[in-house]
């Protein structure tokens, strides 16, 4: 018969999936910057004011594209790491990985902070630590 710690770990695992979905969703927002950067590079956007004839320099467009894609990749990597931590919590494997990812998830306010703190409190219990392989 599972006790309360097993129930907590199962619930935390499922909540990790939900938070990973939110992180992935918000990680796609910088694609707007990528689209703006493409518009600048192709010349689809006019200049910043009436006195500028040539529009934005292409450097700004490439900067928007590079930074946007960087943030998308980092956000999706974090979402994948949080989802994988949820899987490991449910399987009672890789305790240290779960601790590290939950500590990083604390930086994603507000849901990651709540999830990270609750997970770290649960994972710090000796009874929980002994359940991991």
Protein backbone atom coordinates (compact mmCIF):
# COMPACT_ATOMS: atom_id res chain seq x y z
CA UNK A 1 0.00 0.00 0.00
CA UNK A 2 1.55 3.30 -1.02
CA UNK A 3 2.07 5.84 1.71
CA UNK A 4 1.87 9.62 1.60
CA UNK A 5 5.37 10.09 0.14
CA UNK A 6 4.54 7.92 -2.85
CA UNK A 7 1.40 9.96 -3.36
CA UNK A 8 3.37 13.21 -3.11
CA UNK A 9 5.94 12.03 -5.65
CA UNK A 10 3.24 10.95 -8.11
CA UNK A 11 1.45 14.27 -7.77
CA UNK A 12 4.68 16.26 -8.13
CA UNK A 13 5.54 14.26 -11.24
CA UNK A 14 2.23 15.15 -12.89
CA UNK A 15 2.54 18.81 -11.89
CA UNK A 16 6.02 18.84 -13.45
CA UNK A 17 4.40 17.90 -16.77
CA UNK A 18 1.90 20.74 -16.48
CA UNK A 19 4.55 23.32 -15.60
CA UNK A 20 6.77 22.03 -18.43
CA UNK A 21 3.87 22.64 -20.81
CA UNK A 22 3.49 26.22 -19.59
CA UNK A 23 7.23 26.82 -19.89
CA UNK A 24 7.21 25.45 -23.45
CA UNK A 25 4.25 27.61 -24.36
CA UNK A 26 5.85 30.79 -23.08
CA UNK A 27 9.20 29.79 -24.58
CA UNK A 28 7.64 30.21 -28.02
CA UNK A 29 6.86 33.91 -27.47
CA UNK A 30 10.30 35.06 -28.69
CA UNK A 31 9.31 33.74 -32.12
CA UNK A 32 7.66 37.16 -32.47
CA UNK A 33 11.14 38.68 -32.27
CA UNK A 34 12.34 36.24 -34.90
CA UNK A 35 9.50 37.33 -37.19
CA UNK A 36 10.32 41.00 -36.58
CA UNK A 37 13.98 40.31 -37.29
CA UNK A 38 13.08 38.63 -40.55
CA UNK A 39 10.96 41.67 -41.43
CA UNK A 40 13.88 43.97 -40.75
CA UNK A 41 16.34 41.87 -42.74
CA UNK A 42 14.01 41.59 -45.74
CA UNK A 43 13.14 45.29 -45.62
CA UNK A 44 9.47 44.77 -44.86
CA UNK A 45 9.57 47.29 -41.99
CA UNK A 46 10.01 50.98 -42.80
CA UNK A 47 12.59 53.13 -41.06
CA UNK A 48 12.21 54.34 -37.48
CA UNK A 49 11.33 57.92 -38.45
CA UNK A 50 10.66 60.35 -41.26
CA UNK A 51 14.30 61.37 -41.63
CA UNK A 52 15.65 57.85 -42.17
CA UNK A 53 15.66 56.72 -45.80
CA UNK A 54 17.05 53.22 -45.70
CA UNK A 55 15.11 51.74 -42.77
CA UNK A 56 16.72 49.69 -40.04
CA UNK A 57 20.21 48.32 -40.62
CA UNK A 58 20.19 44.55 -41.25
CA UNK A 59 22.35 44.08 -38.16
CA UNK A 60 19.34 44.80 -35.96
CA UNK A 61 17.32 42.18 -37.78
CA UNK A 62 20.00 39.54 -37.35
CA UNK A 63 20.29 40.49 -33.68
CA UNK A 64 16.54 40.01 -33.22
CA UNK A 65 16.69 36.66 -34.99
CA UNK A 66 19.69 35.38 -33.02
CA UNK A 67 18.41 36.44 -29.62
CA UNK A 68 14.89 35.21 -30.34
CA UNK A 69 16.08 31.78 -31.42
CA UNK A 70 18.44 31.58 -28.44
CA UNK A 71 15.64 32.26 -25.97
CA UNK A 72 13.31 29.81 -27.72
CA UNK A 73 15.95 27.07 -27.56
CA UNK A 74 16.80 27.75 -23.92
CA UNK A 75 13.12 27.81 -22.93
CA UNK A 76 12.35 24.56 -24.72
CA UNK A 77 15.43 22.95 -23.16
CA UNK A 78 14.22 24.00 -19.71
CA UNK A 79 10.72 22.69 -20.45
CA UNK A 80 12.22 19.37 -21.53
CA UNK A 81 14.35 19.19 -18.38
CA UNK A 82 11.34 19.88 -16.13
CA UNK A 83 9.23 17.28 -17.94
CA UNK A 84 12.04 14.74 -17.66
CA UNK A 85 12.33 15.49 -13.94
CA UNK A 86 8.62 14.70 -13.63
CA UNK A 87 9.22 11.34 -15.27
CA UNK A 88 12.15 10.61 -12.97
CA UNK A 89 10.13 11.59 -9.90
CA UNK A 90 7.40 9.14 -10.84
CA UNK A 91 9.98 6.41 -11.50
CA UNK A 92 11.95 7.21 -8.31
CA UNK A 93 15.16 7.61 -10.29
CA UNK A 94 17.94 10.21 -10.50
CA UNK A 95 17.37 12.08 -7.26
CA UNK A 96 20.21 14.58 -7.85
CA UNK A 97 18.93 15.46 -11.34
CA UNK A 98 15.49 16.19 -9.88
CA UNK A 99 17.00 18.39 -7.16
CA UNK A 100 19.10 20.39 -9.65
CA UNK A 101 16.23 20.89 -12.13
CA UNK A 102 13.83 21.91 -9.35
CA UNK A 103 16.37 24.41 -8.07
CA UNK A 104 16.61 25.90 -11.56
CA UNK A 105 12.81 25.83 -11.91
CA UNK A 106 12.59 28.13 -8.89
CA UNK A 107 13.69 30.95 -11.20
CA UNK A 108 10.52 30.63 -13.33
CA UNK A 109 8.07 32.81 -11.41
CA UNK A 110 5.35 32.01 -10.24
CA UNK A 111 4.60 28.37 -11.14
CA UNK A 112 8.19 27.16 -11.31
CA UNK A 113 8.93 28.78 -7.96
CA UNK A 114 6.03 27.05 -6.27
CA UNK A 115 6.82 23.72 -7.91
CA UNK A 116 10.54 24.00 -7.18
CA UNK A 117 10.09 24.84 -3.51
CA UNK A 118 7.52 22.10 -2.91
CA UNK A 119 9.65 19.57 -4.76
CA UNK A 120 12.83 20.53 -2.93
CA UNK A 121 11.07 20.28 0.44
CA UNK A 122 9.74 16.85 -0.49
CA UNK A 123 13.04 15.61 -1.95
CA UNK A 124 14.98 16.73 1.12
CA UNK A 125 13.12 14.26 3.33
CA UNK A 126 15.23 11.19 4.23
CA UNK A 127 12.25 8.90 3.66
CA UNK A 128 11.90 10.20 0.10
CA UNK A 129 15.66 10.02 -0.60
CA UNK A 130 15.71 6.35 0.38
CA UNK A 131 13.01 5.53 -2.23
CA UNK A 132 15.18 6.60 -5.17
CA UNK A 133 17.33 4.05 -6.99
